[in-house]
């Protein structure tokens, strides 16, 4: 599956569903974003079971503000509706693949339990 363009209209629907969603916050004028795009696209083709979303921070300023995106590209991973990774900077292909592997192996019951403990 190729990447999906996310907007305020479809963002919640895509990111709140079960499964893994990777997000690339980017802009057309951003050199590192343009260099990272083919890496991200290749990973999306290797992992058809994962949704790879792209958020154009220029067109979707409301989403960029909501997630406090200050530097692009920013990579975010969401699993079963929970943000489990959020980091600015383009990743080399091996690091992106490693991130995907780690996110896929997360025990979300354990993650939710830890989140609940930190709220107290």
PDB file of N, CA and C in Angstrom:
ATOM      1  N   UNK A   1       0.833  -1.180   0.000  1.00  0.00           N
ATOM      2  CA  UNK A   1       0.000   0.000   0.000  1.00  0.00           C
ATOM      3  C   UNK A   1       0.880   1.246   0.000  1.00  0.00           C
ATOM      4  N   UNK A   2       0.584   2.165  -0.850  1.00  0.00           N
ATOM      5  CA  UNK A   2       1.334   3.414  -0.892  1.00  0.00           C
ATOM      6  C   UNK A   2       0.889   4.309   0.263  1.00  0.00           C
ATOM      7  N   UNK A   3       1.500   5.461   0.353  1.00  0.00           N
ATOM      8  CA  UNK A   3       1.180   6.378   1.439  1.00  0.00           C
ATOM      9  C   UNK A   3      -0.186   7.029   1.230  1.00  0.00           C
ATOM     10  N   UNK A   4      -0.774   7.450   2.348  1.00  0.00           N
ATOM     11  CA  UNK A   4      -2.089   8.073   2.361  1.00  0.00           C
ATOM     12  C   UNK A   4      -1.920   9.518   2.831  1.00  0.00           C
ATOM     13  N   UNK A   5      -2.484  10.460   2.084  1.00  0.00           N
ATOM     14  CA  UNK A   5      -2.428  11.864   2.496  1.00  0.00           C
ATOM     15  C   UNK A   5      -3.463  12.087   3.602  1.00  0.00           C
ATOM     16  N   UNK A   6      -3.003  12.577   4.750  1.00  0.00           N
ATOM     17  CA  UNK A   6      -3.921  12.801   5.864  1.00  0.00           C
ATOM     18  C   UNK A   6      -4.233  14.290   6.005  1.00  0.00           C
ATOM     19  N   UNK A   7      -5.500  14.555   6.283  1.00  0.00           N
ATOM     20  CA  UNK A   7      -5.992  15.911   6.470  1.00  0.00           C
ATOM     21  C   UNK A   7      -6.814  15.943   7.759  1.00  0.00           C
ATOM     22  N   UNK A   8      -7.264  17.122   8.144  1.00  0.00           N
ATOM     23  CA  UNK A   8      -8.118  17.201   9.331  1.00  0.00           C
ATOM     24  C   UNK A   8      -9.393  16.385   9.121  1.00  0.00           C
ATOM     25  N   UNK A   9      -9.817  16.222   7.871  1.00  0.00           N
ATOM     26  CA  UNK A   9     -11.055  15.491   7.576  1.00  0.00           C
ATOM     27  C   UNK A   9     -10.942  13.995   7.830  1.00  0.00           C
ATOM     28  N   UNK A  10      -9.775  13.384   7.547  1.00  0.00           N
ATOM     29  CA  UNK A  10      -9.657  11.926   7.677  1.00  0.00           C
ATOM     30  C   UNK A  10      -8.681  11.489   8.772  1.00  0.00           C
ATOM     31  N   UNK A  11      -8.030  12.419   9.448  1.00  0.00           N
ATOM     32  CA  UNK A  11      -6.969  12.077  10.396  1.00  0.00           C
ATOM     33  C   UNK A  11      -7.448  11.154  11.504  1.00  0.00           C
ATOM     34  N   UNK A  12      -8.514  11.561  12.216  1.00  0.00           N
ATOM     35  CA  UNK A  12      -8.984  10.753  13.354  1.00  0.00           C
ATOM     36  C   UNK A  12      -9.438   9.369  12.911  1.00  0.00           C
ATOM     37  N   UNK A  13     -10.134   9.316  11.789  1.00  0.00           N
ATOM     38  CA  UNK A  13     -10.626   8.030  11.285  1.00  0.00           C
ATOM     39  C   UNK A  13      -9.472   7.068  11.030  1.00  0.00           C
ATOM     40  N   UNK A  14      -8.393   7.570  10.444  1.00  0.00           N
ATOM     41  CA  UNK A  14      -7.243   6.718  10.111  1.00  0.00           C
ATOM     42  C   UNK A  14      -6.436   6.361  11.355  1.00  0.00           C
ATOM     43  N   UNK A  15      -6.193   7.335  12.234  1.00  0.00           N
ATOM     44  CA  UNK A  15      -5.272   7.097  13.346  1.00  0.00           C
ATOM     45  C   UNK A  15      -5.906   6.449  14.568  1.00  0.00           C
ATOM     46  N   UNK A  16      -7.226   6.465  14.670  1.00  0.00           N
ATOM     47  CA  UNK A  16      -7.863   5.882  15.850  1.00  0.00           C
ATOM     48  C   UNK A  16      -8.281   4.428  15.657  1.00  0.00           C
ATOM     49  N   UNK A  17      -8.027   3.889  14.483  1.00  0.00           N
ATOM     50  CA  UNK A  17      -8.398   2.498  14.238  1.00  0.00           C
ATOM     51  C   UNK A  17      -7.327   1.554  14.789  1.00  0.00           C
ATOM     52  N   UNK A  18      -7.678   0.273  14.896  1.00  0.00           N
ATOM     53  CA  UNK A  18      -6.711  -0.719  15.358  1.00  0.00           C
ATOM     54  C   UNK A  18      -5.622  -0.885  14.306  1.00  0.00           C
ATOM     55  N   UNK A  19      -4.450  -1.293  14.785  1.00  0.00           N
ATOM     56  CA  UNK A  19      -3.334  -1.504  13.877  1.00  0.00           C
ATOM     57  C   UNK A  19      -2.315  -0.392  14.015  1.00  0.00           C
ATOM     58  N   UNK A  20      -1.312  -0.447  13.150  1.00  0.00           N
ATOM     59  CA  UNK A  20      -0.197   0.495  13.196  1.00  0.00           C
ATOM     60  C   UNK A  20      -0.337   1.533  12.094  1.00  0.00           C
ATOM     61  N   UNK A  21      -0.135   2.792  12.488  1.00  0.00           N
ATOM     62  CA  UNK A  21      -0.129   3.899  11.542  1.00  0.00           C
ATOM     63  C   UNK A  21       1.177   4.653  11.741  1.00  0.00           C
ATOM     64  N   UNK A  22       1.935   4.823  10.666  1.00  0.00           N
ATOM     65  CA  UNK A  22       3.130   5.661  10.703  1.00  0.00           C
ATOM     66  C   UNK A  22       2.784   6.972  10.029  1.00  0.00           C
ATOM     67  N   UNK A  23       3.256   8.069  10.593  1.00  0.00           N
ATOM     68  CA  UNK A  23       2.989   9.381  10.018  1.00  0.00           C
ATOM     69  C   UNK A  23       4.297  10.085   9.712  1.00  0.00           C
ATOM     70  N   UNK A  24       4.307  10.765   8.588  1.00  0.00           N
ATOM     71  CA  UNK A  24       5.427  11.605   8.180  1.00  0.00           C
ATOM     72  C   UNK A  24       4.879  13.021   8.059  1.00  0.00           C
ATOM     73  N   UNK A  25       5.255  13.893   9.007  1.00  0.00           N
ATOM     74  CA  UNK A  25       4.897  15.302   8.923  1.00  0.00           C
ATOM     75  C   UNK A  25       5.974  15.973   8.080  1.00  0.00           C
ATOM     76  N   UNK A  26       5.594  16.610   6.987  1.00  0.00           N
ATOM     77  CA  UNK A  26       6.541  17.120   6.005  1.00  0.00           C
ATOM     78  C   UNK A  26       6.019  18.421   5.382  1.00  0.00           C
ATOM     79  N   UNK A  27       6.868  19.032   4.543  1.00  0.00           N
ATOM     80  CA  UNK A  27       6.459  20.186   3.736  1.00  0.00           C
ATOM     81  C   UNK A  27       7.240  20.159   2.432  1.00  0.00           C
ATOM     82  N   UNK A  28       6.652  20.721   1.406  1.00  0.00           N
ATOM     83  CA  UNK A  28       7.246  20.696   0.073  1.00  0.00           C
ATOM     84  C   UNK A  28       8.591  21.421  -0.001  1.00  0.00           C
ATOM     85  N   UNK A  29       8.774  22.451   0.804  1.00  0.00           N
ATOM     86  CA  UNK A  29      10.002  23.251   0.776  1.00  0.00           C
ATOM     87  C   UNK A  29      11.149  22.640   1.588  1.00  0.00           C
ATOM     88  N   UNK A  30      10.878  21.547   2.285  1.00  0.00           N
ATOM     89  CA  UNK A  30      11.829  20.941   3.227  1.00  0.00           C
ATOM     90  C   UNK A  30      12.737  19.932   2.519  1.00  0.00           C
ATOM     91  N   UNK A  31      14.025  20.267   2.411  1.00  0.00           N
ATOM     92  CA  UNK A  31      14.994  19.381   1.755  1.00  0.00           C
ATOM     93  C   UNK A  31      15.090  18.007   2.395  1.00  0.00           C
ATOM     94  N   UNK A  32      15.285  17.931   3.732  1.00  0.00           N
ATOM     95  CA  UNK A  32      15.345  16.609   4.378  1.00  0.00           C
ATOM     96  C   UNK A  32      14.065  15.798   4.163  1.00  0.00           C
ATOM     97  N   UNK A  33      12.914  16.483   4.104  1.00  0.00           N
ATOM     98  CA  UNK A  33      11.640  15.790   3.866  1.00  0.00           C
ATOM     99  C   UNK A  33      11.655  15.130   2.491  1.00  0.00           C
ATOM    100  N   UNK A  34      12.144  15.858   1.506  1.00  0.00           N
ATOM    101  CA  UNK A  34      12.181  15.327   0.134  1.00  0.00           C
ATOM    102  C   UNK A  34      13.146  14.151   0.025  1.00  0.00           C
ATOM    103  N   UNK A  35      14.255  14.218   0.772  1.00  0.00           N
ATOM    104  CA  UNK A  35      15.209  13.100   0.749  1.00  0.00           C
ATOM    105  C   UNK A  35      14.647  11.878   1.477  1.00  0.00           C
ATOM    106  N   UNK A  36      13.839  12.110   2.511  1.00  0.00           N
ATOM    107  CA  UNK A  36      13.268  11.006   3.284  1.00  0.00           C
ATOM    108  C   UNK A  36      12.100  10.340   2.555  1.00  0.00           C
ATOM    109  N   UNK A  37      11.400  11.077   1.701  1.00  0.00           N
ATOM    110  CA  UNK A  37      10.185  10.568   1.042  1.00  0.00           C
ATOM    111  C   UNK A  37      10.378   9.217   0.352  1.00  0.00           C
ATOM    112  N   UNK A  38      11.443   9.007  -0.442  1.00  0.00           N
ATOM    113  CA  UNK A  38      11.594   7.693  -1.095  1.00  0.00           C
ATOM    114  C   UNK A  38      11.832   6.553  -0.096  1.00  0.00           C
ATOM    115  N   UNK A  39      12.516   6.842   1.003  1.00  0.00           N
ATOM    116  CA  UNK A  39      12.746   5.840   2.056  1.00  0.00           C
ATOM    117  C   UNK A  39      11.407   5.425   2.649  1.00  0.00           C
ATOM    118  N   UNK A  40      10.585   6.415   2.952  1.00  0.00           N
ATOM    119  CA  UNK A  40       9.263   6.184   3.540  1.00  0.00           C
ATOM    120  C   UNK A  40       8.373   5.405   2.572  1.00  0.00           C
ATOM    121  N   UNK A  41       8.434   5.773   1.313  1.00  0.00           N
ATOM    122  CA  UNK A  41       7.633   5.106   0.280  1.00  0.00           C
ATOM    123  C   UNK A  41       8.046   3.628   0.143  1.00  0.00           C
ATOM    124  N   UNK A  42       9.355   3.373   0.151  1.00  0.00           N
ATOM    125  CA  UNK A  42       9.835   1.978   0.051  1.00  0.00           C
ATOM    126  C   UNK A  42       9.343   1.159   1.233  1.00  0.00           C
ATOM    127  N   UNK A  43       9.395   1.726   2.426  1.00  0.00           N
ATOM    128  CA  UNK A  43       8.917   0.999   3.608  1.00  0.00           C
ATOM    129  C   UNK A  43       7.429   0.728   3.505  1.00  0.00           C
ATOM    130  N   UNK A  44       6.678   1.675   2.943  1.00  0.00           N
ATOM    131  CA  UNK A  44       5.226   1.483   2.820  1.00  0.00           C
ATOM    132  C   UNK A  44       4.928   0.301   1.897  1.00  0.00           C
ATOM    133  N   UNK A  45       5.784   0.088   0.913  1.00  0.00           N
ATOM    134  CA  UNK A  45       5.580  -1.037  -0.013  1.00  0.00           C
ATOM    135  C   UNK A  45       5.965  -2.369   0.629  1.00  0.00           C
ATOM    136  N   UNK A  46       6.900  -2.342   1.574  1.00  0.00           N
ATOM    137  CA  UNK A  46       7.335  -3.562   2.267  1.00  0.00           C
ATOM    138  C   UNK A  46       6.339  -3.999   3.336  1.00  0.00           C
ATOM    139  N   UNK A  47       5.510  -3.069   3.823  1.00  0.00           N
ATOM    140  CA  UNK A  47       4.622  -3.346   4.956  1.00  0.00           C
ATOM    141  C   UNK A  47       3.180  -2.984   4.604  1.00  0.00           C
ATOM    142  N   UNK A  48       2.534  -3.809   3.778  1.00  0.00           N
ATOM    143  CA  UNK A  48       1.168  -3.488   3.349  1.00  0.00           C
ATOM    144  C   UNK A  48       0.148  -3.537   4.482  1.00  0.00           C
ATOM    145  N   UNK A  49       0.508  -4.145   5.612  1.00  0.00           N
ATOM    146  CA  UNK A  49      -0.409  -4.242   6.746  1.00  0.00           C
ATOM    147  C   UNK A  49      -0.387  -2.993   7.632  1.00  0.00           C
ATOM    148  N   UNK A  50       0.519  -2.057   7.341  1.00  0.00           N
ATOM    149  CA  UNK A  50       0.655  -0.820   8.114  1.00  0.00           C
ATOM    150  C   UNK A  50       0.165   0.338   7.256  1.00  0.00           C
ATOM    151  N   UNK A  51      -0.518   1.287   7.874  1.00  0.00           N
ATOM    152  CA  UNK A  51      -0.930   2.495   7.162  1.00  0.00           C
ATOM    153  C   UNK A  51       0.193   3.523   7.268  1.00  0.00           C
ATOM    154  N   UNK A  52       0.670   3.979   6.134  1.00  0.00           N
ATOM    155  CA  UNK A  52       1.700   5.012   6.084  1.00  0.00           C
ATOM    156  C   UNK A  52       1.031   6.306   5.654  1.00  0.00           C
ATOM    157  N   UNK A  53       0.936   7.240   6.591  1.00  0.00           N
ATOM    158  CA  UNK A  53       0.290   8.511   6.298  1.00  0.00           C
ATOM    159  C   UNK A  53       1.288   9.633   6.152  1.00  0.00           C
ATOM    160  N   UNK A  54       0.928  10.621   5.345  1.00  0.00           N
ATOM    161  CA  UNK A  54       1.746  11.816   5.185  1.00  0.00           C
ATOM    162  C   UNK A  54       0.874  13.027   5.518  1.00  0.00           C
ATOM    163  N   UNK A  55       1.434  13.930   6.337  1.00  0.00           N
ATOM    164  CA  UNK A  55       0.729  15.151   6.707  1.00  0.00           C
ATOM    165  C   UNK A  55       1.545  16.336   6.201  1.00  0.00           C
ATOM    166  N   UNK A  56       1.000  17.043   5.223  1.00  0.00           N
ATOM    167  CA  UNK A  56       1.633  18.241   4.683  1.00  0.00           C
ATOM    168  C   UNK A  56       1.409  19.361   5.695  1.00  0.00           C
ATOM    169  N   UNK A  57       2.467  19.754   6.399  1.00  0.00           N
ATOM    170  CA  UNK A  57       2.319  20.726   7.483  1.00  0.00           C
ATOM    171  C   UNK A  57       1.925  22.111   6.981  1.00  0.00           C
ATOM    172  N   UNK A  58       2.165  22.402   5.715  1.00  0.00           N
ATOM    173  CA  UNK A  58       1.745  23.680   5.154  1.00  0.00           C
ATOM    174  C   UNK A  58       0.234  23.682   4.920  1.00  0.00           C
ATOM    175  N   UNK A  59      -0.271  22.614   4.346  1.00  0.00           N
ATOM    176  CA  UNK A  59      -1.701  22.515   4.039  1.00  0.00           C
ATOM    177  C   UNK A  59      -2.520  22.163   5.276  1.00  0.00           C
ATOM    178  N   UNK A  60      -1.906  21.489   6.234  1.00  0.00           N
ATOM    179  CA  UNK A  60      -2.614  21.006   7.427  1.00  0.00           C
ATOM    180  C   UNK A  60      -2.007  21.628   8.690  1.00  0.00           C
ATOM    181  N   UNK A  61      -1.999  22.944   8.733  1.00  0.00           N
ATOM    182  CA  UNK A  61      -1.376  23.646   9.858  1.00  0.00           C
ATOM    183  C   UNK A  61      -2.066  23.335  11.186  1.00  0.00           C
ATOM    184  N   UNK A  62      -3.364  23.069  11.134  1.00  0.00           N
ATOM    185  CA  UNK A  62      -4.098  22.736  12.353  1.00  0.00           C
ATOM    186  C   UNK A  62      -3.567  21.427  12.964  1.00  0.00           C
ATOM    187  N   UNK A  63      -3.302  20.428  12.118  1.00  0.00           N
ATOM    188  CA  UNK A  63      -2.756  19.157  12.618  1.00  0.00           C
ATOM    189  C   UNK A  63      -1.333  19.346  13.132  1.00  0.00           C
ATOM    190  N   UNK A  64      -0.539  20.119  12.417  1.00  0.00           N
ATOM    191  CA  UNK A  64       0.837  20.374  12.859  1.00  0.00           C
ATOM    192  C   UNK A  64       0.832  21.052  14.228  1.00  0.00           C
ATOM    193  N   UNK A  65      -0.078  21.989  14.416  1.00  0.00           N
ATOM    194  CA  UNK A  65      -0.174  22.685  15.706  1.00  0.00           C
ATOM    195  C   UNK A  65      -0.675  21.749  16.800  1.00  0.00           C
ATOM    196  N   UNK A  66      -1.662  20.922  16.477  1.00  0.00           N
ATOM    197  CA  UNK A  66      -2.240  19.994  17.458  1.00  0.00           C
ATOM    198  C   UNK A  66      -1.168  19.076  18.047  1.00  0.00           C
ATOM    199  N   UNK A  67      -0.223  18.658  17.208  1.00  0.00           N
ATOM    200  CA  UNK A  67       0.820  17.730  17.660  1.00  0.00           C
ATOM    201  C   UNK A  67       2.140  18.435  17.946  1.00  0.00           C
ATOM    202  N   UNK A  68       2.084  19.783  17.985  1.00  0.00           N
ATOM    203  CA  UNK A  68       3.255  20.579  18.352  1.00  0.00           C
ATOM    204  C   UNK A  68       4.469  20.266  17.468  1.00  0.00           C
ATOM    205  N   UNK A  69       4.232  20.141  16.174  1.00  0.00           N
ATOM    206  CA  UNK A  69       5.314  19.846  15.232  1.00  0.00           C
ATOM    207  C   UNK A  69       6.140  21.113  15.049  1.00  0.00           C
ATOM    208  N   UNK A  70       7.393  21.073  15.482  1.00  0.00           N
ATOM    209  CA  UNK A  70       8.279  22.234  15.415  1.00  0.00           C
ATOM    210  C   UNK A  70       9.402  22.039  14.398  1.00  0.00           C
ATOM    211  N   UNK A  71       9.648  20.809  14.038  1.00  0.00           N
ATOM    212  CA  UNK A  71      10.736  20.491  13.123  1.00  0.00           C
ATOM    213  C   UNK A  71      10.248  19.390  12.186  1.00  0.00           C
ATOM    214  N   UNK A  72      10.595  19.529  10.923  1.00  0.00           N
ATOM    215  CA  UNK A  72      10.188  18.492   9.967  1.00  0.00           C
ATOM    216  C   UNK A  72      11.403  17.986   9.209  1.00  0.00           C
ATOM    217  N   UNK A  73      11.364  16.739   8.773  1.00  0.00           N
ATOM    218  CA  UNK A  73      10.263  15.808   8.983  1.00  0.00           C
ATOM    219  C   UNK A  73      10.181  15.357  10.438  1.00  0.00           C
ATOM    220  N   UNK A  74       8.977  15.059  10.870  1.00  0.00           N
ATOM    221  CA  UNK A  74       8.742  14.415  12.166  1.00  0.00           C
ATOM    222  C   UNK A  74       8.031  13.105  11.877  1.00  0.00           C
ATOM    223  N   UNK A  75       8.538  12.042  12.484  1.00  0.00           N
ATOM    224  CA  UNK A  75       7.958  10.719  12.313  1.00  0.00           C
ATOM    225  C   UNK A  75       7.184  10.377  13.590  1.00  0.00           C
ATOM    226  N   UNK A  76       5.951   9.930  13.388  1.00  0.00           N
ATOM    227  CA  UNK A  76       5.109   9.534  14.521  1.00  0.00           C
ATOM    228  C   UNK A  76       4.574   8.132  14.247  1.00  0.00           C
ATOM    229  N   UNK A  77       4.541   7.309  15.287  1.00  0.00           N
ATOM    230  CA  UNK A  77       3.951   5.973  15.169  1.00  0.00           C
ATOM    231  C   UNK A  77       2.780   5.889  16.138  1.00  0.00           C
ATOM    232  N   UNK A  78       1.659   5.390  15.616  1.00  0.00           N
ATOM    233  CA  UNK A  78       0.453   5.220  16.412  1.00  0.00           C
ATOM    234  C   UNK A  78       0.031   3.762  16.302  1.00  0.00           C
ATOM    235  N   UNK A  79      -0.181   3.140  17.444  1.00  0.00           N
ATOM    236  CA  UNK A  79      -0.625   1.741  17.435  1.00  0.00           C
ATOM    237  C   UNK A  79      -1.913   1.645  18.230  1.00  0.00           C
ATOM    238  N   UNK A  80      -2.925   1.090  17.594  1.00  0.00           N
ATOM    239  CA  UNK A  80      -4.243   0.931  18.229  1.00  0.00           C
ATOM    240  C   UNK A  80      -4.726   2.254  18.836  1.00  0.00           C
ATOM    241  N   UNK A  81      -4.475   3.355  18.125  1.00  0.00           N
ATOM    242  CA  UNK A  81      -4.958   4.658  18.551  1.00  0.00           C
ATOM    243  C   UNK A  81      -4.092   5.383  19.563  1.00  0.00           C
ATOM    244  N   UNK A  82      -2.948   4.810  19.936  1.00  0.00           N
ATOM    245  CA  UNK A  82      -2.065   5.397  20.948  1.00  0.00           C
ATOM    246  C   UNK A  82      -0.748   5.810  20.290  1.00  0.00           C
ATOM    247  N   UNK A  83      -0.328   7.069  20.515  1.00  0.00           N
ATOM    248  CA  UNK A  83       0.973   7.508  19.994  1.00  0.00           C
ATOM    249  C   UNK A  83       2.062   6.821  20.801  1.00  0.00           C
ATOM    250  N   UNK A  84       2.896   6.032  20.121  1.00  0.00           N
ATOM    251  CA  UNK A  84       3.944   5.278  20.805  1.00  0.00           C
ATOM    252  C   UNK A  84       5.344   5.759  20.422  1.00  0.00           C
ATOM    253  N   UNK A  85       5.430   6.659  19.425  1.00  0.00           N
ATOM    254  CA  UNK A  85       6.726   7.198  18.991  1.00  0.00           C
ATOM    255  C   UNK A  85       6.467   8.534  18.320  1.00  0.00           C
ATOM    256  N   UNK A  86       7.332   9.509  18.610  1.00  0.00           N
ATOM    257  CA  UNK A  86       7.195  10.822  18.002  1.00  0.00           C
ATOM    258  C   UNK A  86       8.571  11.478  18.055  1.00  0.00           C
ATOM    259  N   UNK A  87       9.199  11.653  16.884  1.00  0.00           N
ATOM    260  CA  UNK A  87      10.558  12.189  16.873  1.00  0.00           C
ATOM    261  C   UNK A  87      10.816  12.975  15.598  1.00  0.00           C
ATOM    262  N   UNK A  88      11.378  14.183  15.734  1.00  0.00           N
ATOM    263  CA  UNK A  88      11.749  14.918  14.529  1.00  0.00           C
ATOM    264  C   UNK A  88      13.015  14.338  13.905  1.00  0.00           C
ATOM    265  N   UNK A  89      13.137  14.520  12.607  1.00  0.00           N
ATOM    266  CA  UNK A  89      14.339  14.093  11.891  1.00  0.00           C
ATOM    267  C   UNK A  89      14.071  12.924  10.970  1.00  0.00           C
ATOM    268  N   UNK A  90      14.679  12.987   9.803  1.00  0.00           N
ATOM    269  CA  UNK A  90      14.573  11.883   8.847  1.00  0.00           C
ATOM    270  C   UNK A  90      15.346  10.685   9.382  1.00  0.00           C
ATOM    271  N   UNK A  91      14.797   9.509   9.186  1.00  0.00           N
ATOM    272  CA  UNK A  91      15.462   8.289   9.636  1.00  0.00           C
ATOM    273  C   UNK A  91      16.092   7.580   8.446  1.00  0.00           C
ATOM    274  N   UNK A  92      17.281   7.014   8.631  1.00  0.00           N
ATOM    275  CA  UNK A  92      17.809   6.132   7.590  1.00  0.00           C
ATOM    276  C   UNK A  92      16.884   4.917   7.454  1.00  0.00           C
ATOM    277  N   UNK A  93      16.927   4.279   6.313  1.00  0.00           N
ATOM    278  CA  UNK A  93      16.011   3.169   6.057  1.00  0.00           C
ATOM    279  C   UNK A  93      16.112   2.075   7.123  1.00  0.00           C
ATOM    280  N   UNK A  94      17.323   1.748   7.554  1.00  0.00           N
ATOM    281  CA  UNK A  94      17.485   0.693   8.563  1.00  0.00           C
ATOM    282  C   UNK A  94      16.837   1.101   9.887  1.00  0.00           C
ATOM    283  N   UNK A  95      16.951   2.378  10.259  1.00  0.00           N
ATOM    284  CA  UNK A  95      16.344   2.848  11.509  1.00  0.00           C
ATOM    285  C   UNK A  95      14.822   2.847  11.403  1.00  0.00           C
ATOM    286  N   UNK A  96      14.294   3.209  10.245  1.00  0.00           N
ATOM    287  CA  UNK A  96      12.846   3.186  10.046  1.00  0.00           C
ATOM    288  C   UNK A  96      12.323   1.755  10.142  1.00  0.00           C
ATOM    289  N   UNK A  97      13.025   0.820   9.530  1.00  0.00           N
ATOM    290  CA  UNK A  97      12.621  -0.585   9.603  1.00  0.00           C
ATOM    291  C   UNK A  97      12.695  -1.099  11.040  1.00  0.00           C
ATOM    292  N   UNK A  98      13.716  -0.687  11.779  1.00  0.00           N
ATOM    293  CA  UNK A  98      13.854  -1.079  13.171  1.00  0.00           C
ATOM    294  C   UNK A  98      12.706  -0.512  14.002  1.00  0.00           C
ATOM    295  N   UNK A  99      12.341   0.743  13.754  1.00  0.00           N
ATOM    296  CA  UNK A  99      11.212   1.362  14.448  1.00  0.00           C
ATOM    297  C   UNK A  99       9.932   0.580  14.179  1.00  0.00           C
ATOM    298  N   UNK A 100       9.690   0.244  12.922  1.00  0.00           N
ATOM    299  CA  UNK A 100       8.487  -0.512  12.551  1.00  0.00           C
ATOM    300  C   UNK A 100       8.450  -1.840  13.301  1.00  0.00           C
ATOM    301  N   UNK A 101       9.584  -2.520  13.329  1.00  0.00           N
ATOM    302  CA  UNK A 101       9.661  -3.818  14.020  1.00  0.00           C
ATOM    303  C   UNK A 101       9.340  -3.660  15.508  1.00  0.00           C
ATOM    304  N   UNK A 102       9.888  -2.622  16.139  1.00  0.00           N
ATOM    305  CA  UNK A 102       9.641  -2.408  17.567  1.00  0.00           C
ATOM    306  C   UNK A 102       8.173  -2.078  17.837  1.00  0.00           C
ATOM    307  N   UNK A 103       7.591  -1.226  17.004  1.00  0.00           N
ATOM    308  CA  UNK A 103       6.185  -0.849  17.192  1.00  0.00           C
ATOM    309  C   UNK A 103       5.283  -2.074  17.018  1.00  0.00           C
ATOM    310  N   UNK A 104       5.582  -2.888  16.027  1.00  0.00           N
ATOM    311  CA  UNK A 104       4.768  -4.077  15.766  1.00  0.00           C
ATOM    312  C   UNK A 104       4.820  -5.058  16.936  1.00  0.00           C
ATOM    313  N   UNK A 105       5.919  -5.076  17.680  1.00  0.00           N
ATOM    314  CA  UNK A 105       6.077  -6.025  18.786  1.00  0.00           C
ATOM    315  C   UNK A 105       5.515  -5.511  20.113  1.00  0.00           C
ATOM    316  N   UNK A 106       5.066  -4.247  20.151  1.00  0.00           N
ATOM    317  CA  UNK A 106       4.548  -3.695  21.404  1.00  0.00           C
ATOM    318  C   UNK A 106       3.322  -4.456  21.884  1.00  0.00           C
ATOM    319  N   UNK A 107       3.278  -4.674  23.187  1.00  0.00           N
ATOM    320  CA  UNK A 107       2.104  -5.243  23.841  1.00  0.00           C
ATOM    321  C   UNK A 107       1.255  -4.051  24.280  1.00  0.00           C
ATOM    322  N   UNK A 108       0.195  -3.766  23.556  1.00  0.00           N
ATOM    323  CA  UNK A 108      -0.580  -2.557  23.815  1.00  0.00           C
ATOM    324  C   UNK A 108      -1.315  -2.599  25.149  1.00  0.00           C
ATOM    325  N   UNK A 109      -1.642  -3.779  25.656  1.00  0.00           N
ATOM    326  CA  UNK A 109      -2.245  -3.860  26.990  1.00  0.00           C
ATOM    327  C   UNK A 109      -1.247  -3.352  28.028  1.00  0.00           C
ATOM    328  N   UNK A 110       0.009  -3.730  27.862  1.00  0.00           N
ATOM    329  CA  UNK A 110       1.068  -3.288  28.770  1.00  0.00           C
ATOM    330  C   UNK A 110       1.304  -1.779  28.620  1.00  0.00           C
ATOM    331  N   UNK A 111       1.294  -1.278  27.396  1.00  0.00           N
ATOM    332  CA  UNK A 111       1.479   0.158  27.150  1.00  0.00           C
ATOM    333  C   UNK A 111       0.365   0.961  27.822  1.00  0.00           C
ATOM    334  N   UNK A 112      -0.866   0.522  27.653  1.00  0.00           N
ATOM    335  CA  UNK A 112      -2.001   1.228  28.279  1.00  0.00           C
ATOM    336  C   UNK A 112      -1.903   1.184  29.809  1.00  0.00           C
ATOM    337  N   UNK A 113      -1.456   0.042  30.339  1.00  0.00           N
ATOM    338  CA  UNK A 113      -1.297  -0.095  31.785  1.00  0.00           C
ATOM    339  C   UNK A 113      -0.250   0.908  32.287  1.00  0.00           C
ATOM    340  N   UNK A 114       0.874   1.011  31.592  1.00  0.00           N
ATOM    341  CA  UNK A 114       1.923   1.951  31.987  1.00  0.00           C
ATOM    342  C   UNK A 114       1.440   3.397  31.876  1.00  0.00           C
ATOM    343  N   UNK A 115       0.666   3.687  30.842  1.00  0.00           N
ATOM    344  CA  UNK A 115       0.127   5.037  30.678  1.00  0.00           C
ATOM    345  C   UNK A 115      -0.810   5.374  31.829  1.00  0.00           C
ATOM    346  N   UNK A 116      -1.631   4.440  32.228  1.00  0.00           N
ATOM    347  CA  UNK A 116      -2.577   4.659  33.328  1.00  0.00           C
ATOM    348  C   UNK A 116      -1.830   4.905  34.643  1.00  0.00           C
ATOM    349  N   UNK A 117      -0.723   4.168  34.838  1.00  0.00           N
ATOM    350  CA  UNK A 117       0.063   4.337  36.057  1.00  0.00           C
ATOM    351  C   UNK A 117       0.707   5.707  36.112  1.00  0.00           C
ATOM    352  N   UNK A 118       1.106   6.248  34.954  1.00  0.00           N
ATOM    353  CA  UNK A 118       1.774   7.552  34.919  1.00  0.00           C
ATOM    354  C   UNK A 118       0.808   8.704  35.103  1.00  0.00           C
ATOM    355  N   UNK A 119      -0.479   8.449  34.910  1.00  0.00           N
ATOM    356  CA  UNK A 119      -1.474   9.524  35.069  1.00  0.00           C
ATOM    357  C   UNK A 119      -1.787   9.792  36.533  1.00  0.00           C
ATOM    358  N   UNK A 120      -1.434   8.860  37.415  1.00  0.00           N
ATOM    359  CA  UNK A 120      -1.776   9.011  38.845  1.00  0.00           C
ATOM    360  C   UNK A 120      -0.771   9.863  39.563  1.00  0.00           C
TER     361      UNK A 120
END
